[in-house]
């Protein structure tokens, strides 16, 4: 029996059931028919954050950042590169703490950039400070 996973669409935020063996074959959303994996970080807001973190069966790495933060902007290309390398095993997403502070507050985000890895709706690891793509990938793989 193959394992069925819940994958939240990055476009319409509908939860899809995908066979684990099919993750690498570029599955589409059953609702909006867009790709479930884009190889790019997903911008989250207050509504989509909960859907992706709580419902997704794959780990979700969230970069808590702000537009005025120099190190955050400096790390953005590396985070995008890490998304291409880690998908479809891990969803990478970004949350603008300036636009959505109510989402960041419960997670005690004290400095940015801070990356928090969620699995099964719970925080499993976090790291603060700007990292390069290889370091992001290495850190994620080491904690999973």
N, C-alpha and C. Protein backbone atom coordinates (compact mmCIF):
# COMPACT_ATOMS: atom_id res chain seq x y z
N UNK A 1 0.84 -1.19 0.00
CA UNK A 1 0.00 0.00 0.00
C UNK A 1 0.88 1.25 0.00
N UNK A 2 0.57 2.20 -0.88
CA UNK A 2 1.37 3.42 -0.93
C UNK A 2 0.79 4.45 0.03
N UNK A 3 1.67 5.26 0.57
CA UNK A 3 1.29 6.26 1.55
C UNK A 3 0.68 7.48 0.87
N UNK A 4 -0.47 7.92 1.37
CA UNK A 4 -1.14 9.10 0.84
C UNK A 4 -0.81 10.29 1.73
N UNK A 5 -0.36 11.38 1.12
CA UNK A 5 0.03 12.58 1.86
C UNK A 5 -0.92 13.74 1.55
N UNK A 6 -1.11 14.62 2.52
CA UNK A 6 -1.84 15.85 2.28
C UNK A 6 -0.83 16.92 1.88
N UNK A 7 -1.06 17.53 0.71
CA UNK A 7 -0.21 18.60 0.22
C UNK A 7 -1.12 19.79 -0.05
N UNK A 8 -0.79 20.93 0.53
CA UNK A 8 -1.61 22.14 0.35
C UNK A 8 -1.11 22.88 -0.88
N UNK A 9 -2.05 23.24 -1.76
CA UNK A 9 -1.72 23.93 -3.00
C UNK A 9 -1.18 25.33 -2.70
N UNK A 10 -0.05 25.71 -3.32
CA UNK A 10 0.51 27.05 -3.09
C UNK A 10 -0.30 28.15 -3.78
N UNK A 11 -1.23 27.78 -4.66
CA UNK A 11 -2.01 28.77 -5.41
C UNK A 11 -3.38 29.02 -4.79
N UNK A 12 -4.17 27.95 -4.57
CA UNK A 12 -5.54 28.13 -4.06
C UNK A 12 -5.68 27.65 -2.61
N UNK A 13 -4.62 27.09 -2.04
CA UNK A 13 -4.55 26.65 -0.64
C UNK A 13 -5.53 25.52 -0.31
N UNK A 14 -5.92 24.75 -1.32
CA UNK A 14 -6.75 23.57 -1.13
C UNK A 14 -5.84 22.40 -0.74
N UNK A 15 -6.31 21.57 0.18
CA UNK A 15 -5.54 20.39 0.58
C UNK A 15 -5.79 19.28 -0.43
N UNK A 16 -4.71 18.72 -0.98
CA UNK A 16 -4.77 17.64 -1.96
C UNK A 16 -4.21 16.37 -1.35
N UNK A 17 -4.72 15.23 -1.79
CA UNK A 17 -4.19 13.93 -1.41
C UNK A 17 -3.28 13.47 -2.54
N UNK A 18 -2.01 13.22 -2.21
CA UNK A 18 -1.03 12.81 -3.21
C UNK A 18 -0.31 11.57 -2.69
N UNK A 19 -0.14 10.59 -3.55
CA UNK A 19 0.62 9.39 -3.17
C UNK A 19 2.08 9.80 -2.99
N UNK A 20 2.73 9.33 -1.94
CA UNK A 20 4.12 9.69 -1.66
C UNK A 20 5.01 9.39 -2.87
N UNK A 21 4.73 8.29 -3.56
CA UNK A 21 5.54 7.91 -4.72
C UNK A 21 5.38 8.89 -5.88
N UNK A 22 4.31 9.68 -5.87
CA UNK A 22 4.03 10.62 -6.96
C UNK A 22 4.59 12.04 -6.71
N UNK A 23 5.18 12.28 -5.54
CA UNK A 23 5.67 13.62 -5.21
C UNK A 23 6.64 14.16 -6.26
N UNK A 24 7.52 13.31 -6.74
CA UNK A 24 8.54 13.73 -7.69
C UNK A 24 8.06 13.86 -9.12
N UNK A 25 6.80 13.52 -9.39
CA UNK A 25 6.30 13.57 -10.77
C UNK A 25 5.43 14.80 -11.04
N UNK A 26 5.73 15.89 -10.36
CA UNK A 26 5.09 17.18 -10.58
C UNK A 26 3.56 17.12 -10.54
N UNK A 27 3.00 16.71 -9.39
CA UNK A 27 1.54 16.63 -9.28
C UNK A 27 0.88 18.00 -9.36
N UNK A 28 -0.36 18.01 -9.87
CA UNK A 28 -1.15 19.24 -9.97
C UNK A 28 -2.24 19.23 -8.91
N UNK A 29 -2.75 20.41 -8.60
CA UNK A 29 -3.86 20.57 -7.66
C UNK A 29 -5.14 20.05 -8.31
N UNK A 30 -5.90 19.29 -7.56
CA UNK A 30 -7.17 18.78 -8.06
C UNK A 30 -8.21 19.86 -8.21
N UNK A 31 -8.02 20.99 -7.53
CA UNK A 31 -9.00 22.07 -7.58
C UNK A 31 -8.68 23.11 -8.66
N UNK A 32 -7.47 23.68 -8.62
CA UNK A 32 -7.13 24.76 -9.57
C UNK A 32 -6.24 24.28 -10.72
N UNK A 33 -5.77 23.03 -10.65
CA UNK A 33 -4.97 22.39 -11.71
C UNK A 33 -3.60 23.04 -11.93
N UNK A 34 -3.14 23.82 -10.95
CA UNK A 34 -1.80 24.41 -11.00
C UNK A 34 -0.83 23.43 -10.33
N UNK A 35 0.48 23.56 -10.61
CA UNK A 35 1.46 22.66 -9.98
C UNK A 35 1.47 22.80 -8.46
N UNK A 36 1.55 21.67 -7.75
CA UNK A 36 1.62 21.70 -6.29
C UNK A 36 3.01 22.13 -5.80
N UNK A 37 4.01 22.01 -6.67
CA UNK A 37 5.36 22.44 -6.31
C UNK A 37 5.89 23.34 -7.41
N UNK A 38 6.37 24.51 -7.01
CA UNK A 38 6.83 25.51 -7.98
C UNK A 38 8.34 25.71 -7.94
N UNK A 39 9.01 25.14 -6.94
CA UNK A 39 10.45 25.35 -6.81
C UNK A 39 10.79 26.75 -6.35
N UNK A 40 9.81 27.43 -5.74
CA UNK A 40 10.02 28.79 -5.24
C UNK A 40 9.34 28.92 -3.88
N UNK A 41 9.87 29.78 -3.01
CA UNK A 41 9.23 29.99 -1.72
C UNK A 41 7.82 30.54 -1.89
N UNK A 42 6.94 30.12 -1.02
CA UNK A 42 5.55 30.52 -1.02
C UNK A 42 5.36 31.68 -0.04
N UNK A 43 4.75 32.77 -0.49
CA UNK A 43 4.46 33.89 0.41
C UNK A 43 3.19 33.57 1.19
N UNK A 44 3.30 33.53 2.51
CA UNK A 44 2.16 33.22 3.36
C UNK A 44 1.58 34.49 3.97
N UNK A 45 0.28 34.41 4.30
CA UNK A 45 -0.36 35.48 5.05
C UNK A 45 -1.03 34.84 6.26
N UNK A 46 -1.82 35.60 6.99
CA UNK A 46 -2.42 35.09 8.23
C UNK A 46 -3.33 33.89 7.96
N UNK A 47 -4.02 33.86 6.85
CA UNK A 47 -4.93 32.77 6.54
C UNK A 47 -4.19 31.54 6.01
N UNK A 48 -3.31 31.74 5.05
CA UNK A 48 -2.64 30.60 4.42
C UNK A 48 -1.59 29.96 5.34
N UNK A 49 -1.04 30.70 6.28
CA UNK A 49 -0.03 30.16 7.19
C UNK A 49 -0.57 28.92 7.90
N UNK A 50 -1.71 29.04 8.54
CA UNK A 50 -2.29 27.93 9.27
C UNK A 50 -2.59 26.73 8.39
N UNK A 51 -3.11 27.00 7.19
CA UNK A 51 -3.44 25.91 6.28
C UNK A 51 -2.20 25.11 5.93
N UNK A 52 -1.13 25.79 5.58
CA UNK A 52 0.08 25.09 5.15
C UNK A 52 0.79 24.40 6.31
N UNK A 53 0.91 25.08 7.44
CA UNK A 53 1.63 24.51 8.58
C UNK A 53 0.84 23.38 9.23
N UNK A 54 -0.47 23.54 9.37
CA UNK A 54 -1.29 22.54 10.07
C UNK A 54 -1.68 21.35 9.20
N UNK A 55 -1.96 21.58 7.93
CA UNK A 55 -2.53 20.52 7.09
C UNK A 55 -1.52 19.73 6.28
N UNK A 56 -0.38 20.32 5.99
CA UNK A 56 0.59 19.67 5.10
C UNK A 56 1.28 18.50 5.80
N UNK A 57 1.37 17.38 5.11
CA UNK A 57 2.08 16.22 5.66
C UNK A 57 3.58 16.29 5.41
N UNK A 58 4.03 17.19 4.55
CA UNK A 58 5.47 17.37 4.38
C UNK A 58 5.91 18.52 5.29
N UNK A 59 7.16 18.52 5.72
CA UNK A 59 7.64 19.62 6.56
C UNK A 59 7.53 20.96 5.83
N UNK A 60 7.30 22.03 6.60
CA UNK A 60 7.22 23.38 6.05
C UNK A 60 8.26 24.24 6.75
N UNK A 61 9.18 24.80 5.98
CA UNK A 61 10.21 25.70 6.52
C UNK A 61 9.75 27.12 6.25
N UNK A 62 9.51 27.88 7.32
CA UNK A 62 9.03 29.25 7.19
C UNK A 62 10.15 30.22 7.54
N UNK A 63 10.40 31.14 6.62
CA UNK A 63 11.35 32.23 6.83
C UNK A 63 10.55 33.43 7.33
N UNK A 64 10.71 33.78 8.61
CA UNK A 64 10.08 34.97 9.17
C UNK A 64 11.01 36.14 8.86
N UNK A 65 10.52 37.11 8.10
CA UNK A 65 11.36 38.19 7.59
C UNK A 65 10.57 39.50 7.57
N UNK A 66 11.21 40.59 7.20
CA UNK A 66 10.56 41.89 7.01
C UNK A 66 11.26 42.64 5.88
N UNK A 67 10.51 43.45 5.14
CA UNK A 67 11.08 44.16 3.99
C UNK A 67 12.22 45.12 4.35
N UNK A 68 12.21 45.67 5.56
CA UNK A 68 13.24 46.64 5.96
C UNK A 68 14.52 45.97 6.45
N UNK A 69 14.51 44.64 6.56
CA UNK A 69 15.64 43.90 7.14
C UNK A 69 16.67 43.57 6.06
N UNK A 70 17.85 44.17 6.16
CA UNK A 70 18.92 43.94 5.19
C UNK A 70 19.34 42.48 5.09
N UNK A 71 19.65 41.80 6.22
CA UNK A 71 20.02 40.40 6.14
C UNK A 71 18.90 39.52 5.54
N UNK A 72 17.65 39.89 5.79
CA UNK A 72 16.52 39.13 5.22
C UNK A 72 16.54 39.23 3.69
N UNK A 73 16.72 40.45 3.20
CA UNK A 73 16.76 40.64 1.75
C UNK A 73 17.99 39.96 1.15
N UNK A 74 19.09 39.99 1.88
CA UNK A 74 20.33 39.35 1.42
C UNK A 74 20.15 37.83 1.33
N UNK A 75 19.39 37.24 2.25
CA UNK A 75 19.21 35.80 2.28
C UNK A 75 18.16 35.31 1.28
N UNK A 76 17.29 36.20 0.79
CA UNK A 76 16.18 35.79 -0.08
C UNK A 76 16.60 34.94 -1.28
N UNK A 77 17.64 35.31 -2.04
CA UNK A 77 18.03 34.45 -3.17
C UNK A 77 18.50 33.06 -2.72
N UNK A 78 19.18 32.96 -1.59
CA UNK A 78 19.64 31.68 -1.08
C UNK A 78 18.45 30.83 -0.65
N UNK A 79 17.44 31.46 -0.05
CA UNK A 79 16.25 30.74 0.38
C UNK A 79 15.51 30.20 -0.85
N UNK A 80 15.45 31.01 -1.91
CA UNK A 80 14.81 30.57 -3.16
C UNK A 80 15.58 29.39 -3.77
N UNK A 81 16.89 29.45 -3.72
CA UNK A 81 17.72 28.35 -4.24
C UNK A 81 17.49 27.08 -3.42
N UNK A 82 17.39 27.23 -2.11
CA UNK A 82 17.13 26.09 -1.24
C UNK A 82 15.76 25.48 -1.54
N UNK A 83 14.78 26.31 -1.89
CA UNK A 83 13.44 25.80 -2.24
C UNK A 83 13.52 24.88 -3.45
N UNK A 84 14.31 25.26 -4.44
CA UNK A 84 14.46 24.42 -5.64
C UNK A 84 15.10 23.08 -5.28
N UNK A 85 16.02 23.09 -4.32
CA UNK A 85 16.73 21.87 -3.94
C UNK A 85 15.91 20.96 -3.01
N UNK A 86 15.10 21.55 -2.14
CA UNK A 86 14.42 20.77 -1.10
C UNK A 86 13.01 20.30 -1.50
N UNK A 87 12.36 21.00 -2.44
CA UNK A 87 11.04 20.53 -2.87
C UNK A 87 11.21 19.28 -3.72
N UNK A 88 10.31 18.32 -3.67
CA UNK A 88 9.01 18.32 -3.01
C UNK A 88 9.02 17.70 -1.60
N UNK A 89 10.20 17.43 -1.03
CA UNK A 89 10.24 16.83 0.30
C UNK A 89 9.93 17.83 1.41
N UNK A 90 10.20 19.12 1.15
CA UNK A 90 9.96 20.18 2.13
C UNK A 90 9.39 21.38 1.39
N UNK A 91 8.35 22.00 1.96
CA UNK A 91 7.78 23.23 1.39
C UNK A 91 8.50 24.40 2.05
N UNK A 92 9.03 25.35 1.26
CA UNK A 92 9.64 26.55 1.81
C UNK A 92 8.68 27.72 1.63
N UNK A 93 8.53 28.50 2.68
CA UNK A 93 7.58 29.60 2.67
C UNK A 93 8.16 30.79 3.42
N UNK A 94 7.61 31.97 3.12
CA UNK A 94 8.07 33.20 3.76
C UNK A 94 6.87 33.88 4.40
N UNK A 95 7.08 34.46 5.58
CA UNK A 95 6.04 35.23 6.23
C UNK A 95 6.61 36.59 6.59
N UNK A 96 6.01 37.63 6.04
CA UNK A 96 6.40 39.02 6.31
C UNK A 96 5.87 39.39 7.70
N UNK A 97 6.77 39.50 8.67
CA UNK A 97 6.38 39.78 10.06
C UNK A 97 5.86 41.20 10.23
N UNK A 98 6.22 42.08 9.31
CA UNK A 98 5.73 43.46 9.35
C UNK A 98 4.25 43.50 8.95
N UNK A 99 3.90 42.76 7.91
CA UNK A 99 2.52 42.73 7.41
C UNK A 99 1.62 41.82 8.23
N UNK A 100 2.19 40.79 8.85
CA UNK A 100 1.39 39.80 9.58
C UNK A 100 1.98 39.51 10.97
N UNK A 101 2.10 40.55 11.82
CA UNK A 101 2.73 40.33 13.13
C UNK A 101 1.94 39.35 14.01
N UNK A 102 0.62 39.29 13.82
CA UNK A 102 -0.20 38.40 14.64
C UNK A 102 0.15 36.93 14.44
N UNK A 103 0.75 36.61 13.31
CA UNK A 103 1.16 35.22 13.06
C UNK A 103 2.50 34.95 13.74
N UNK A 104 3.39 35.91 13.72
CA UNK A 104 4.73 35.72 14.28
C UNK A 104 4.75 35.72 15.81
N UNK A 105 3.89 36.52 16.44
CA UNK A 105 3.90 36.68 17.90
C UNK A 105 3.82 35.36 18.67
N UNK A 106 2.90 34.44 18.34
CA UNK A 106 2.83 33.19 19.11
C UNK A 106 4.10 32.34 19.03
N UNK A 107 4.94 32.59 18.02
CA UNK A 107 6.17 31.81 17.86
C UNK A 107 7.38 32.52 18.44
N UNK A 108 7.16 33.64 19.17
CA UNK A 108 8.25 34.35 19.85
C UNK A 108 9.40 34.70 18.91
N UNK A 109 9.08 35.21 17.76
CA UNK A 109 10.12 35.62 16.81
C UNK A 109 10.73 36.91 17.35
N UNK A 110 11.97 36.83 17.81
CA UNK A 110 12.63 37.98 18.43
C UNK A 110 13.62 38.67 17.49
N UNK A 111 14.17 37.91 16.55
CA UNK A 111 15.09 38.51 15.58
C UNK A 111 14.78 37.91 14.22
N UNK A 112 15.07 38.68 13.20
CA UNK A 112 14.85 38.20 11.85
C UNK A 112 16.13 38.38 11.04
N UNK A 113 16.38 37.54 10.06
CA UNK A 113 15.54 36.40 9.68
C UNK A 113 15.64 35.26 10.69
N UNK A 114 14.50 34.62 10.92
CA UNK A 114 14.44 33.39 11.70
C UNK A 114 13.71 32.36 10.86
N UNK A 115 14.29 31.18 10.70
CA UNK A 115 13.64 30.10 9.98
C UNK A 115 13.15 29.08 10.99
N UNK A 116 11.87 28.71 10.85
CA UNK A 116 11.27 27.73 11.74
C UNK A 116 10.79 26.56 10.88
N UNK A 117 11.17 25.36 11.27
CA UNK A 117 10.76 24.16 10.56
C UNK A 117 9.59 23.53 11.31
N UNK A 118 8.47 23.38 10.60
CA UNK A 118 7.27 22.79 11.16
C UNK A 118 7.06 21.41 10.55
N UNK A 119 6.62 20.48 11.37
CA UNK A 119 6.27 19.15 10.88
C UNK A 119 5.06 18.69 11.68
N UNK A 120 4.02 18.27 10.96
CA UNK A 120 2.79 17.86 11.64
C UNK A 120 2.16 18.97 12.44
N UNK A 121 2.33 20.22 12.00
CA UNK A 121 1.74 21.36 12.68
C UNK A 121 2.52 21.88 13.88
N UNK A 122 3.63 21.22 14.21
CA UNK A 122 4.42 21.64 15.38
C UNK A 122 5.81 22.09 14.97
N UNK A 123 6.34 23.04 15.72
CA UNK A 123 7.71 23.48 15.49
C UNK A 123 8.66 22.37 15.91
N UNK A 124 9.59 22.02 14.99
CA UNK A 124 10.57 20.98 15.33
C UNK A 124 11.99 21.55 15.43
N UNK A 125 12.23 22.71 14.82
CA UNK A 125 13.56 23.32 14.90
C UNK A 125 13.48 24.76 14.45
N UNK A 126 14.44 25.56 14.88
CA UNK A 126 14.54 26.95 14.41
C UNK A 126 15.98 27.38 14.40
N UNK A 127 16.26 28.35 13.54
CA UNK A 127 17.60 28.93 13.45
C UNK A 127 17.44 30.39 13.05
N UNK A 128 18.24 31.26 13.65
CA UNK A 128 18.18 32.68 13.33
C UNK A 128 19.44 33.11 12.62
N UNK A 129 19.31 34.16 11.80
CA UNK A 129 20.44 34.70 11.06
C UNK A 129 20.40 34.27 9.61
N UNK A 130 21.02 35.09 8.77
CA UNK A 130 21.05 34.83 7.33
C UNK A 130 22.01 33.69 7.03
N UNK A 131 21.55 32.74 6.21
CA UNK A 131 22.38 31.61 5.80
C UNK A 131 22.42 31.54 4.28
N UNK A 132 23.45 30.90 3.76
CA UNK A 132 23.53 30.61 2.33
C UNK A 132 22.68 29.40 2.00
N UNK A 133 22.45 29.17 0.72
CA UNK A 133 21.58 28.07 0.27
C UNK A 133 22.08 26.72 0.77
N UNK A 134 23.37 26.45 0.64
CA UNK A 134 23.91 25.16 1.06
C UNK A 134 23.74 24.96 2.57
N UNK A 135 23.91 26.03 3.33
CA UNK A 135 23.75 25.94 4.78
C UNK A 135 22.29 25.70 5.17
N UNK A 136 21.36 26.33 4.45
CA UNK A 136 19.93 26.11 4.71
C UNK A 136 19.59 24.65 4.43
N UNK A 137 20.01 24.15 3.29
CA UNK A 137 19.75 22.75 2.92
C UNK A 137 20.34 21.79 3.95
N UNK A 138 21.58 22.03 4.31
CA UNK A 138 22.28 21.16 5.26
C UNK A 138 21.55 21.17 6.62
N UNK A 139 21.17 22.36 7.09
CA UNK A 139 20.48 22.47 8.37
C UNK A 139 19.15 21.72 8.33
N UNK A 140 18.35 21.91 7.28
CA UNK A 140 17.05 21.25 7.17
C UNK A 140 17.24 19.73 7.17
N UNK A 141 18.16 19.25 6.37
CA UNK A 141 18.38 17.79 6.28
C UNK A 141 18.88 17.22 7.63
N UNK A 142 19.62 18.03 8.39
CA UNK A 142 20.16 17.54 9.66
C UNK A 142 19.10 17.42 10.73
N UNK A 143 18.01 18.19 10.63
CA UNK A 143 16.98 18.15 11.68
C UNK A 143 15.78 17.30 11.29
N UNK A 144 15.75 16.82 10.05
CA UNK A 144 14.61 15.96 9.65
C UNK A 144 14.90 14.50 9.87
